[in-house]
């Protein structure tokens, strides 16, 4: 299994019992997840495992989602994601716990939706440099020229400019697993991960 779903609980610090140094960690409630579908290369064109996570009231699920979950023999779960890779010995309806996927010392990557920070200018959003602030300069925080003249007489798509900052999918790589606590379904990662407290994240092995 290449990964699983979890919920970001927040950041804290833990002490290493061997040498006593402090680790700044993010705590993630990883699972338990349930297998709701298995994709096969000969049938679907790729290998993947679909996992479901996050219990929710039945009335909050669409009828199609309820039927899909009932067919898999699992409870009412809100979040579904696919993780590429062969299923191995997993079967539909199986429970996936954190200690069966991750172990202490390995490196993972975490994907989630970053915090929305509203409208931001180019200096904050894209790390642009400001202009001079003396001798009557009017170009202190302005982005500067964004296009050519008569040819091509338009602004190309994708140019870095002011706009909404954050609230987009982001992936943080190279996070080390500091501790795994299967009894509490907790995963401790060194460093920070995208998203606000309580947001759902995808944890994958960083090969």
N, C-alpha and C. Protein backbone atom coordinates (compact mmCIF):
# COMPACT_ATOMS: atom_id res chain seq x y z
N UNK A 1 0.84 -1.19 0.00
CA UNK A 1 0.00 0.00 0.00
C UNK A 1 0.88 1.24 0.00
N UNK A 2 0.57 2.18 -0.88
CA UNK A 2 1.45 3.34 -1.07
C UNK A 2 1.08 4.53 -0.21
N UNK A 3 -0.12 4.57 0.37
CA UNK A 3 -0.51 5.74 1.16
C UNK A 3 -1.85 5.56 1.80
N UNK A 4 -2.32 6.63 2.45
CA UNK A 4 -3.63 6.59 3.09
C UNK A 4 -4.10 8.01 3.36
N UNK A 5 -5.35 8.12 3.78
CA UNK A 5 -5.95 9.41 4.10
C UNK A 5 -5.85 9.69 5.59
N UNK A 6 -5.84 10.97 5.92
CA UNK A 6 -5.79 11.35 7.32
C UNK A 6 -6.35 12.74 7.53
N UNK A 7 -6.40 13.17 8.79
CA UNK A 7 -6.90 14.49 9.15
C UNK A 7 -5.83 15.20 9.99
N UNK A 8 -5.49 16.41 9.57
CA UNK A 8 -4.48 17.18 10.29
C UNK A 8 -5.05 17.67 11.61
N UNK A 9 -4.39 17.33 12.71
CA UNK A 9 -4.84 17.73 14.04
C UNK A 9 -4.12 18.98 14.53
N UNK A 10 -2.92 19.24 14.05
CA UNK A 10 -2.18 20.41 14.49
C UNK A 10 -0.71 20.08 14.71
N UNK A 11 0.02 21.06 15.24
CA UNK A 11 1.44 20.89 15.47
C UNK A 11 1.75 20.90 16.97
N UNK A 12 2.81 20.18 17.33
CA UNK A 12 3.25 20.13 18.72
C UNK A 12 4.73 19.78 18.71
N UNK A 13 5.27 19.44 19.86
CA UNK A 13 6.66 19.01 19.92
C UNK A 13 6.75 17.77 20.81
N UNK A 14 7.66 16.90 20.45
CA UNK A 14 7.89 15.67 21.22
C UNK A 14 9.38 15.58 21.52
N UNK A 15 9.70 14.88 22.57
CA UNK A 15 11.08 14.72 22.98
C UNK A 15 11.57 13.32 22.61
N UNK A 16 12.75 13.27 22.05
CA UNK A 16 13.37 11.99 21.72
C UNK A 16 13.93 11.37 23.00
N UNK A 17 13.44 10.19 23.38
CA UNK A 17 13.90 9.61 24.66
C UNK A 17 15.37 9.21 24.64
N UNK A 18 15.97 9.06 23.45
CA UNK A 18 17.35 8.59 23.38
C UNK A 18 18.34 9.71 23.74
N UNK A 19 18.20 10.89 23.10
CA UNK A 19 19.14 11.97 23.40
C UNK A 19 18.47 13.22 23.95
N UNK A 20 17.12 13.22 24.05
CA UNK A 20 16.42 14.31 24.70
C UNK A 20 16.17 15.53 23.84
N UNK A 21 16.52 15.51 22.55
CA UNK A 21 16.29 16.69 21.73
C UNK A 21 14.83 16.79 21.33
N UNK A 22 14.40 18.01 20.98
CA UNK A 22 13.00 18.30 20.69
C UNK A 22 12.76 18.17 19.19
N UNK A 23 11.65 17.50 18.83
CA UNK A 23 11.23 17.40 17.44
C UNK A 23 9.95 18.20 17.27
N UNK A 24 9.93 19.13 16.28
CA UNK A 24 8.70 19.86 15.95
C UNK A 24 7.93 19.02 14.96
N UNK A 25 6.75 18.62 15.32
CA UNK A 25 6.02 17.64 14.51
C UNK A 25 4.59 18.11 14.24
N UNK A 26 4.05 17.56 13.15
CA UNK A 26 2.64 17.70 12.84
C UNK A 26 1.95 16.38 13.16
N UNK A 27 0.85 16.45 13.88
CA UNK A 27 0.11 15.25 14.27
C UNK A 27 -1.03 15.03 13.29
N UNK A 28 -1.10 13.85 12.70
CA UNK A 28 -2.14 13.50 11.74
C UNK A 28 -2.89 12.27 12.22
N UNK A 29 -4.20 12.38 12.22
CA UNK A 29 -5.05 11.21 12.49
C UNK A 29 -5.15 10.42 11.20
N UNK A 30 -4.31 9.40 11.06
CA UNK A 30 -4.21 8.64 9.82
C UNK A 30 -5.07 7.39 9.90
N UNK A 31 -6.22 7.44 9.22
CA UNK A 31 -7.10 6.29 9.21
C UNK A 31 -7.93 6.19 10.48
N UNK A 32 -8.56 5.03 10.66
CA UNK A 32 -8.51 3.89 9.74
C UNK A 32 -9.25 4.16 8.42
N UNK A 33 -8.67 3.64 7.34
CA UNK A 33 -9.29 3.75 6.02
C UNK A 33 -9.83 2.39 5.60
N UNK A 34 -10.75 2.42 4.67
CA UNK A 34 -11.38 1.18 4.20
C UNK A 34 -11.30 1.13 2.68
N UNK A 35 -10.99 -0.04 2.14
CA UNK A 35 -10.88 -0.24 0.70
C UNK A 35 -12.28 -0.32 0.10
N UNK A 36 -12.60 0.59 -0.80
CA UNK A 36 -13.92 0.61 -1.43
C UNK A 36 -13.89 0.20 -2.89
N UNK A 37 -12.72 0.16 -3.52
CA UNK A 37 -12.60 -0.29 -4.91
C UNK A 37 -11.14 -0.59 -5.20
N UNK A 38 -10.92 -1.49 -6.15
CA UNK A 38 -9.58 -1.84 -6.60
C UNK A 38 -9.55 -1.75 -8.12
N UNK A 39 -8.63 -0.95 -8.63
CA UNK A 39 -8.48 -0.78 -10.07
C UNK A 39 -7.38 -1.73 -10.57
N UNK A 40 -7.67 -2.40 -11.69
CA UNK A 40 -6.72 -3.33 -12.29
C UNK A 40 -6.29 -2.82 -13.66
N UNK A 41 -5.01 -3.06 -13.98
CA UNK A 41 -4.48 -2.58 -15.26
C UNK A 41 -5.17 -3.24 -16.44
N UNK A 42 -5.50 -4.52 -16.33
CA UNK A 42 -6.13 -5.22 -17.45
C UNK A 42 -7.58 -4.80 -17.66
N UNK A 43 -8.20 -4.28 -16.61
CA UNK A 43 -9.61 -3.88 -16.71
C UNK A 43 -9.80 -2.38 -16.79
N UNK A 44 -9.05 -1.63 -15.97
CA UNK A 44 -9.23 -0.18 -15.89
C UNK A 44 -8.12 0.62 -16.55
N UNK A 45 -7.04 -0.05 -16.94
CA UNK A 45 -5.93 0.64 -17.56
C UNK A 45 -4.86 1.11 -16.60
N UNK A 46 -5.07 0.95 -15.31
CA UNK A 46 -4.07 1.33 -14.30
C UNK A 46 -4.36 0.58 -13.01
N UNK A 47 -3.34 0.50 -12.16
CA UNK A 47 -3.48 -0.15 -10.86
C UNK A 47 -3.63 0.91 -9.78
N UNK A 48 -4.65 0.75 -8.95
CA UNK A 48 -4.87 1.70 -7.86
C UNK A 48 -5.80 1.08 -6.82
N UNK A 49 -5.76 1.68 -5.64
CA UNK A 49 -6.64 1.28 -4.54
C UNK A 49 -7.43 2.51 -4.12
N UNK A 50 -8.75 2.39 -4.05
CA UNK A 50 -9.60 3.49 -3.59
C UNK A 50 -9.88 3.31 -2.10
N UNK A 51 -9.54 4.35 -1.33
CA UNK A 51 -9.73 4.32 0.11
C UNK A 51 -10.79 5.33 0.53
N UNK A 52 -11.53 5.00 1.58
CA UNK A 52 -12.54 5.89 2.14
C UNK A 52 -12.17 6.18 3.59
N UNK A 53 -12.49 7.42 4.02
CA UNK A 53 -12.08 7.87 5.36
C UNK A 53 -13.07 8.91 5.86
N UNK A 54 -13.27 8.94 7.16
CA UNK A 54 -14.07 9.98 7.78
C UNK A 54 -15.53 9.63 7.92
N UNK A 55 -15.92 9.16 9.09
CA UNK A 55 -17.31 8.78 9.31
C UNK A 55 -18.21 10.01 9.28
N UNK A 56 -19.41 9.81 8.75
CA UNK A 56 -20.37 10.90 8.61
C UNK A 56 -21.77 10.32 8.69
N UNK A 57 -22.75 11.15 9.01
CA UNK A 57 -24.13 10.69 9.07
C UNK A 57 -24.61 10.26 7.69
N UNK A 58 -25.44 9.24 7.65
CA UNK A 58 -25.91 8.70 6.37
C UNK A 58 -26.66 9.74 5.54
N UNK A 59 -27.41 10.62 6.20
CA UNK A 59 -28.21 11.61 5.48
C UNK A 59 -27.36 12.64 4.76
N UNK A 60 -26.06 12.72 5.10
CA UNK A 60 -25.18 13.70 4.46
C UNK A 60 -24.50 13.15 3.21
N UNK A 61 -24.79 11.91 2.85
CA UNK A 61 -24.20 11.30 1.67
C UNK A 61 -25.23 11.20 0.56
N UNK A 62 -24.77 11.36 -0.67
CA UNK A 62 -25.66 11.18 -1.82
C UNK A 62 -26.00 9.70 -1.97
N UNK A 63 -27.10 9.45 -2.65
CA UNK A 63 -27.57 8.08 -2.78
C UNK A 63 -26.55 7.21 -3.51
N UNK A 64 -25.93 7.75 -4.55
CA UNK A 64 -24.93 6.98 -5.29
C UNK A 64 -23.75 6.63 -4.41
N UNK A 65 -23.30 7.57 -3.58
CA UNK A 65 -22.19 7.30 -2.67
C UNK A 65 -22.58 6.24 -1.64
N UNK A 66 -23.79 6.32 -1.12
CA UNK A 66 -24.24 5.32 -0.14
C UNK A 66 -24.26 3.93 -0.77
N UNK A 67 -24.75 3.83 -2.01
CA UNK A 67 -24.78 2.54 -2.69
C UNK A 67 -23.39 1.99 -2.93
N UNK A 68 -22.46 2.85 -3.29
CA UNK A 68 -21.08 2.42 -3.51
C UNK A 68 -20.46 1.89 -2.23
N UNK A 69 -20.69 2.58 -1.12
CA UNK A 69 -20.13 2.15 0.16
C UNK A 69 -20.79 0.87 0.67
N UNK A 70 -22.09 0.76 0.48
CA UNK A 70 -22.78 -0.46 0.91
C UNK A 70 -22.32 -1.67 0.12
N UNK A 71 -22.06 -1.46 -1.17
CA UNK A 71 -21.57 -2.57 -2.00
C UNK A 71 -20.21 -3.04 -1.52
N UNK A 72 -19.40 -2.09 -1.04
CA UNK A 72 -18.07 -2.46 -0.52
C UNK A 72 -18.13 -3.03 0.89
N UNK A 73 -19.28 -2.91 1.55
CA UNK A 73 -19.43 -3.45 2.89
C UNK A 73 -18.77 -2.63 3.97
N UNK A 74 -18.72 -1.30 3.77
CA UNK A 74 -18.13 -0.41 4.77
C UNK A 74 -19.19 0.57 5.26
N UNK A 75 -18.83 1.38 6.25
CA UNK A 75 -19.77 2.32 6.83
C UNK A 75 -19.95 3.57 5.99
N UNK A 76 -20.58 4.57 6.58
CA UNK A 76 -20.82 5.85 5.91
C UNK A 76 -19.57 6.73 6.06
N UNK A 77 -18.83 6.86 4.96
CA UNK A 77 -17.56 7.59 4.97
C UNK A 77 -17.62 8.71 3.94
N UNK A 78 -17.06 9.86 4.30
CA UNK A 78 -17.21 11.05 3.48
C UNK A 78 -16.18 11.15 2.35
N UNK A 79 -14.91 10.86 2.64
CA UNK A 79 -13.83 11.17 1.70
C UNK A 79 -13.33 9.92 1.00
N UNK A 80 -13.23 9.99 -0.33
CA UNK A 80 -12.72 8.90 -1.15
C UNK A 80 -11.55 9.40 -1.99
N UNK A 81 -10.46 8.63 -2.01
CA UNK A 81 -9.31 8.97 -2.84
C UNK A 81 -8.71 7.67 -3.40
N UNK A 82 -8.07 7.81 -4.56
CA UNK A 82 -7.38 6.68 -5.16
C UNK A 82 -5.88 6.85 -4.98
N UNK A 83 -5.21 5.74 -4.68
CA UNK A 83 -3.76 5.72 -4.53
C UNK A 83 -3.20 4.73 -5.53
N UNK A 84 -2.34 5.26 -6.42
CA UNK A 84 -1.79 4.42 -7.48
C UNK A 84 -0.87 3.36 -6.90
N UNK A 85 -0.87 2.20 -7.54
CA UNK A 85 -0.05 1.08 -7.10
C UNK A 85 -0.89 -0.18 -7.00
N UNK A 86 -0.22 -1.30 -7.00
CA UNK A 86 -0.91 -2.59 -6.92
C UNK A 86 -1.51 -2.79 -5.54
N UNK A 87 -2.65 -3.47 -5.52
CA UNK A 87 -3.37 -3.69 -4.26
C UNK A 87 -2.71 -4.75 -3.39
N UNK A 88 -1.94 -5.63 -4.02
CA UNK A 88 -1.33 -6.71 -3.24
C UNK A 88 -2.39 -7.66 -2.71
N UNK A 89 -2.37 -7.86 -1.40
CA UNK A 89 -3.33 -8.79 -0.77
C UNK A 89 -4.60 -8.08 -0.31
N UNK A 90 -4.72 -6.78 -0.54
CA UNK A 90 -5.91 -6.07 -0.11
C UNK A 90 -7.14 -6.49 -0.92
N UNK A 91 -8.27 -6.49 -0.24
CA UNK A 91 -9.55 -6.79 -0.89
C UNK A 91 -10.54 -5.70 -0.55
N UNK A 92 -11.60 -5.60 -1.34
CA UNK A 92 -12.64 -4.61 -1.08
C UNK A 92 -13.26 -4.86 0.28
N UNK A 93 -13.38 -3.82 1.08
CA UNK A 93 -13.92 -3.94 2.43
C UNK A 93 -12.86 -4.06 3.51
N UNK A 94 -11.60 -4.23 3.11
CA UNK A 94 -10.54 -4.40 4.10
C UNK A 94 -10.24 -3.08 4.80
N UNK A 95 -9.81 -3.19 6.05
CA UNK A 95 -9.44 -2.02 6.84
C UNK A 95 -7.93 -1.79 6.75
N UNK A 96 -7.53 -0.54 6.53
CA UNK A 96 -6.12 -0.19 6.43
C UNK A 96 -5.78 0.71 7.61
N UNK A 97 -4.82 0.27 8.44
CA UNK A 97 -4.42 1.05 9.61
C UNK A 97 -3.02 1.63 9.38
N UNK A 98 -2.69 2.62 10.18
CA UNK A 98 -1.49 3.41 9.94
C UNK A 98 -0.22 2.58 10.06
N UNK A 99 -0.17 1.62 11.00
CA UNK A 99 1.06 0.86 11.18
C UNK A 99 1.29 -0.16 10.08
N UNK A 100 0.26 -0.44 9.26
CA UNK A 100 0.43 -1.36 8.14
C UNK A 100 0.96 -0.67 6.90
N UNK A 101 1.03 0.67 6.92
CA UNK A 101 1.48 1.43 5.75
C UNK A 101 2.79 2.16 6.03
N UNK A 102 2.90 2.79 7.20
CA UNK A 102 4.08 3.61 7.51
C UNK A 102 4.82 3.06 8.72
N UNK A 103 6.11 3.37 8.76
CA UNK A 103 6.93 2.98 9.90
C UNK A 103 7.88 4.11 10.24
N UNK A 104 8.35 4.11 11.46
CA UNK A 104 9.22 5.18 11.96
C UNK A 104 10.50 5.25 11.14
N UNK A 105 10.89 6.48 10.79
CA UNK A 105 12.13 6.71 10.09
C UNK A 105 12.02 6.86 8.58
N UNK A 106 10.90 6.45 7.99
CA UNK A 106 10.79 6.59 6.53
C UNK A 106 10.31 7.99 6.15
N UNK A 107 10.42 8.30 4.86
CA UNK A 107 10.08 9.62 4.35
C UNK A 107 8.78 9.57 3.58
N UNK A 108 7.92 10.58 3.81
CA UNK A 108 6.61 10.63 3.16
C UNK A 108 6.40 12.01 2.55
N UNK A 109 5.37 12.12 1.72
CA UNK A 109 4.92 13.41 1.20
C UNK A 109 3.44 13.55 1.50
N UNK A 110 3.01 14.76 1.79
CA UNK A 110 1.63 15.02 2.21
C UNK A 110 1.02 16.06 1.28
N UNK A 111 -0.17 15.75 0.77
CA UNK A 111 -0.89 16.66 -0.12
C UNK A 111 -2.18 17.12 0.55
N UNK A 112 -2.51 18.39 0.36
CA UNK A 112 -3.74 18.94 0.91
C UNK A 112 -4.02 20.29 0.29
N UNK A 113 -5.10 20.92 0.73
CA UNK A 113 -5.46 22.26 0.25
C UNK A 113 -4.89 23.28 1.23
N UNK A 114 -4.03 24.16 0.74
CA UNK A 114 -3.38 25.13 1.60
C UNK A 114 -4.37 26.15 2.14
N UNK A 115 -3.97 26.85 3.18
CA UNK A 115 -4.82 27.88 3.78
C UNK A 115 -5.04 29.02 2.80
N UNK A 116 -6.28 29.48 2.68
CA UNK A 116 -6.57 30.63 1.85
C UNK A 116 -6.16 31.92 2.54
N UNK A 117 -5.44 32.79 1.81
CA UNK A 117 -4.94 34.03 2.41
C UNK A 117 -5.48 35.26 1.69
N UNK A 118 -6.52 35.08 0.88
CA UNK A 118 -7.15 36.22 0.26
C UNK A 118 -6.35 36.81 -0.88
N UNK A 119 -6.74 38.02 -1.27
CA UNK A 119 -6.07 38.72 -2.38
C UNK A 119 -4.72 39.23 -1.92
N UNK A 120 -3.68 38.96 -2.70
CA UNK A 120 -2.33 39.40 -2.35
C UNK A 120 -1.63 39.95 -3.58
N UNK A 121 -0.73 40.87 -3.35
CA UNK A 121 0.05 41.45 -4.43
C UNK A 121 1.21 40.55 -4.83
N UNK A 122 1.98 41.02 -5.80
CA UNK A 122 3.05 40.19 -6.34
C UNK A 122 4.22 40.02 -5.37
N UNK A 123 4.44 40.98 -4.48
CA UNK A 123 5.56 40.86 -3.55
C UNK A 123 5.29 39.74 -2.55
N UNK A 124 4.11 39.69 -2.01
CA UNK A 124 3.78 38.64 -1.04
C UNK A 124 3.49 37.31 -1.72
N UNK A 125 2.84 37.37 -2.88
CA UNK A 125 2.39 36.14 -3.53
C UNK A 125 3.50 35.43 -4.30
N UNK A 126 4.38 36.21 -4.96
CA UNK A 126 5.40 35.62 -5.82
C UNK A 126 6.82 36.04 -5.46
N UNK A 127 7.00 36.70 -4.32
CA UNK A 127 8.32 37.11 -3.87
C UNK A 127 9.00 38.08 -4.83
N UNK A 128 8.22 38.95 -5.47
CA UNK A 128 8.81 40.00 -6.31
C UNK A 128 9.57 40.99 -5.42
N UNK A 129 10.53 41.67 -6.01
CA UNK A 129 11.25 42.73 -5.31
C UNK A 129 10.55 44.06 -5.52
N UNK A 130 10.59 44.92 -4.54
CA UNK A 130 9.97 46.23 -4.66
C UNK A 130 10.89 47.18 -5.41
N UNK A 131 10.31 48.30 -5.83
CA UNK A 131 11.10 49.31 -6.51
C UNK A 131 11.71 50.29 -5.53
N UNK A 132 12.42 51.31 -6.03
CA UNK A 132 13.04 52.31 -5.14
C UNK A 132 11.98 53.15 -4.45
N UNK A 133 12.29 53.62 -3.26
CA UNK A 133 11.31 54.38 -2.47
C UNK A 133 11.72 55.83 -2.30
N UNK A 134 12.76 56.26 -2.99
CA UNK A 134 13.22 57.64 -2.84
C UNK A 134 13.14 58.39 -4.17
N UNK A 135 13.34 59.71 -4.11
CA UNK A 135 13.40 60.56 -5.30
C UNK A 135 12.12 60.48 -6.13
N UNK A 136 11.00 60.45 -5.46
CA UNK A 136 9.73 60.53 -6.15
C UNK A 136 9.33 59.31 -6.94
N UNK A 137 9.86 58.12 -6.61
CA UNK A 137 9.50 56.91 -7.35
C UNK A 137 8.04 56.55 -7.12
N UNK A 138 7.36 56.21 -8.19
CA UNK A 138 5.97 55.75 -8.10
C UNK A 138 5.87 54.24 -8.33
N UNK A 139 6.98 53.54 -8.26
CA UNK A 139 6.99 52.10 -8.54
C UNK A 139 7.50 51.34 -7.32
N UNK A 140 6.86 51.56 -6.18
CA UNK A 140 7.34 50.94 -4.94
C UNK A 140 6.92 49.48 -4.86
N UNK A 141 5.63 49.21 -5.00
CA UNK A 141 5.15 47.83 -4.93
C UNK A 141 4.38 47.43 -6.18
N UNK A 142 4.46 48.20 -7.22
CA UNK A 142 3.76 47.87 -8.47
C UNK A 142 4.46 46.70 -9.16
N UNK A 143 3.70 45.86 -9.85
CA UNK A 143 4.31 44.69 -10.50
C UNK A 143 5.17 45.02 -11.70
N UNK A 144 5.00 46.18 -12.33
CA UNK A 144 5.78 46.53 -13.50
C UNK A 144 5.08 46.10 -14.77
N UNK A 145 5.80 46.15 -15.87
CA UNK A 145 5.22 45.82 -17.17
C UNK A 145 4.82 44.35 -17.24
N UNK A 146 3.68 44.07 -17.88
CA UNK A 146 3.20 42.70 -17.96
C UNK A 146 2.99 42.25 -19.39
N UNK A 147 3.30 43.05 -20.37
CA UNK A 147 3.07 42.62 -21.74
C UNK A 147 3.92 43.39 -22.72
N UNK A 148 3.84 42.99 -24.00
CA UNK A 148 4.58 43.66 -25.06
C UNK A 148 3.74 44.82 -25.61
N UNK A 149 4.18 45.39 -26.72
CA UNK A 149 3.47 46.54 -27.28
C UNK A 149 2.51 46.08 -28.38
N UNK A 150 2.68 46.58 -29.61
CA UNK A 150 1.73 46.27 -30.68
C UNK A 150 1.74 44.80 -31.05
N UNK A 151 2.86 44.13 -30.85
CA UNK A 151 2.94 42.70 -31.18
C UNK A 151 3.46 41.96 -29.97
N UNK A 152 2.73 41.06 -29.33
CA UNK A 152 1.45 40.48 -29.79
C UNK A 152 0.21 41.22 -29.33
N UNK A 153 0.35 42.37 -28.68
CA UNK A 153 -0.79 43.20 -28.29
C UNK A 153 -1.74 42.49 -27.33
N UNK A 154 -1.19 41.66 -26.49
CA UNK A 154 -2.02 41.00 -25.47
C UNK A 154 -1.11 40.52 -24.35
N UNK A 155 -1.72 40.12 -23.25
CA UNK A 155 -0.99 39.57 -22.11
C UNK A 155 -1.09 38.05 -22.14
N UNK A 156 0.03 37.38 -22.10
CA UNK A 156 0.02 35.92 -22.16
C UNK A 156 -0.59 35.32 -20.89
N UNK A 157 -1.25 34.19 -21.07
CA UNK A 157 -1.83 33.48 -19.93
C UNK A 157 -0.72 32.95 -19.03
N UNK A 158 -1.04 32.87 -17.73
CA UNK A 158 -0.11 32.30 -16.77
C UNK A 158 0.90 33.26 -16.21
N UNK A 159 0.80 34.53 -16.56
CA UNK A 159 1.75 35.50 -16.03
C UNK A 159 1.54 35.66 -14.53
N UNK A 160 2.62 35.86 -13.80
CA UNK A 160 2.54 35.99 -12.35
C UNK A 160 2.11 37.41 -11.99
N UNK A 161 0.96 37.51 -11.38
CA UNK A 161 0.42 38.81 -11.02
C UNK A 161 -0.32 38.75 -9.70
N UNK A 162 -0.96 39.84 -9.29
CA UNK A 162 -1.76 39.81 -8.06
C UNK A 162 -2.95 38.87 -8.20
N UNK A 163 -3.45 38.38 -7.08
CA UNK A 163 -4.61 37.50 -7.12
C UNK A 163 -4.76 36.74 -5.82
N UNK A 164 -5.64 35.75 -5.84
CA UNK A 164 -5.89 34.97 -4.63
C UNK A 164 -4.66 34.14 -4.28
N UNK A 165 -4.29 34.19 -3.03
CA UNK A 165 -3.12 33.46 -2.54
C UNK A 165 -3.60 32.31 -1.66
N UNK A 166 -3.05 31.14 -1.89
CA UNK A 166 -3.43 29.97 -1.12
C UNK A 166 -4.72 29.34 -1.64
N UNK A 167 -5.34 28.52 -0.81
CA UNK A 167 -6.58 27.82 -1.16
C UNK A 167 -6.39 27.02 -2.45
N UNK A 168 -5.25 26.34 -2.54
CA UNK A 168 -4.92 25.53 -3.71
C UNK A 168 -4.23 24.25 -3.24
N UNK A 169 -4.29 23.24 -4.08
CA UNK A 169 -3.64 21.98 -3.72
C UNK A 169 -2.13 22.16 -3.65
N UNK A 170 -1.54 21.66 -2.57
CA UNK A 170 -0.10 21.78 -2.37
C UNK A 170 0.42 20.47 -1.80
N UNK A 171 1.67 20.17 -2.11
CA UNK A 171 2.30 18.95 -1.63
C UNK A 171 3.62 19.29 -0.95
N UNK A 172 3.79 18.80 0.26
CA UNK A 172 5.04 18.96 1.00
C UNK A 172 5.78 17.63 1.00
N UNK A 173 6.99 17.64 0.47
CA UNK A 173 7.76 16.41 0.34
C UNK A 173 8.86 16.36 1.40
N UNK A 174 9.42 15.17 1.56
CA UNK A 174 10.58 14.99 2.43
C UNK A 174 10.28 15.08 3.91
N UNK A 175 9.08 14.66 4.32
CA UNK A 175 8.72 14.69 5.74
C UNK A 175 9.06 13.34 6.38
N UNK A 176 9.80 13.39 7.46
CA UNK A 176 10.22 12.15 8.13
C UNK A 176 9.18 11.73 9.17
N UNK A 177 8.91 10.44 9.21
CA UNK A 177 8.00 9.88 10.21
C UNK A 177 8.75 9.77 11.54
N UNK A 178 8.33 10.56 12.51
CA UNK A 178 8.98 10.57 13.81
C UNK A 178 8.43 9.47 14.71
N UNK A 179 7.11 9.23 14.62
CA UNK A 179 6.50 8.21 15.48
C UNK A 179 5.20 7.74 14.86
N UNK A 180 4.84 6.49 15.11
CA UNK A 180 3.57 5.90 14.68
C UNK A 180 2.91 5.29 15.89
N UNK A 181 1.66 5.70 16.15
CA UNK A 181 0.91 5.18 17.30
C UNK A 181 -0.38 4.53 16.80
N UNK A 182 -0.33 3.25 16.48
CA UNK A 182 -1.51 2.59 15.89
C UNK A 182 -2.71 2.52 16.81
N UNK A 183 -2.49 2.50 18.14
CA UNK A 183 -3.62 2.41 19.06
C UNK A 183 -4.51 3.66 18.97
N UNK A 184 -3.90 4.80 18.66
CA UNK A 184 -4.64 6.06 18.56
C UNK A 184 -4.80 6.53 17.11
N UNK A 185 -4.31 5.73 16.16
CA UNK A 185 -4.33 6.08 14.73
C UNK A 185 -3.62 7.41 14.47
N UNK A 186 -2.47 7.62 15.12
CA UNK A 186 -1.74 8.88 15.01
C UNK A 186 -0.42 8.68 14.28
N UNK A 187 -0.09 9.69 13.48
CA UNK A 187 1.15 9.72 12.73
C UNK A 187 1.85 11.05 13.02
N UNK A 188 3.10 11.00 13.46
CA UNK A 188 3.86 12.20 13.80
C UNK A 188 4.90 12.43 12.70
N UNK A 189 4.83 13.60 12.05
CA UNK A 189 5.74 13.93 10.96
C UNK A 189 6.57 15.15 11.33
N UNK A 190 7.87 15.09 11.04
CA UNK A 190 8.73 16.24 11.31
C UNK A 190 8.45 17.33 10.28
N UNK A 191 8.09 18.54 10.76
CA UNK A 191 7.80 19.65 9.87
C UNK A 191 6.32 19.93 9.76
N UNK A 192 5.98 20.84 8.84
CA UNK A 192 4.60 21.27 8.66
C UNK A 192 4.02 20.71 7.37
N UNK A 193 2.71 20.58 7.33
CA UNK A 193 2.02 20.05 6.16
C UNK A 193 0.96 21.07 5.72
N UNK A 194 0.56 21.04 4.45
CA UNK A 194 -0.43 22.01 3.96
C UNK A 194 -1.79 21.83 4.64
N UNK A 195 -2.53 22.94 4.74
CA UNK A 195 -3.90 22.87 5.22
C UNK A 195 -4.08 23.39 6.63
N UNK A 196 -5.34 23.64 6.95
CA UNK A 196 -5.70 24.10 8.29
C UNK A 196 -5.95 22.91 9.20
N UNK A 197 -6.10 23.18 10.49
CA UNK A 197 -6.44 22.12 11.43
C UNK A 197 -7.80 21.52 11.06
N UNK A 198 -7.87 20.21 11.06
CA UNK A 198 -9.10 19.53 10.73
C UNK A 198 -9.27 19.21 9.26
N UNK A 199 -8.35 19.68 8.41
CA UNK A 199 -8.47 19.41 6.98
C UNK A 199 -7.97 18.01 6.65
N UNK A 200 -8.50 17.46 5.57
CA UNK A 200 -8.15 16.10 5.14
C UNK A 200 -6.92 16.17 4.25
N UNK A 201 -5.96 15.29 4.49
CA UNK A 201 -4.72 15.25 3.72
C UNK A 201 -4.49 13.83 3.20
N UNK A 202 -3.67 13.76 2.16
CA UNK A 202 -3.27 12.49 1.59
C UNK A 202 -1.79 12.25 1.90
N UNK A 203 -1.49 11.13 2.53
CA UNK A 203 -0.12 10.80 2.91
C UNK A 203 0.37 9.67 2.02
N UNK A 204 1.49 9.91 1.32
CA UNK A 204 2.07 8.91 0.43
C UNK A 204 3.54 8.73 0.75
N UNK A 205 4.05 7.55 0.44
CA UNK A 205 5.48 7.30 0.59
C UNK A 205 6.23 8.12 -0.46
N UNK A 206 7.30 8.78 -0.01
CA UNK A 206 8.08 9.65 -0.90
C UNK A 206 9.25 8.84 -1.45
N UNK A 207 8.98 8.17 -2.57
CA UNK A 207 10.01 7.29 -3.15
C UNK A 207 11.09 8.12 -3.81
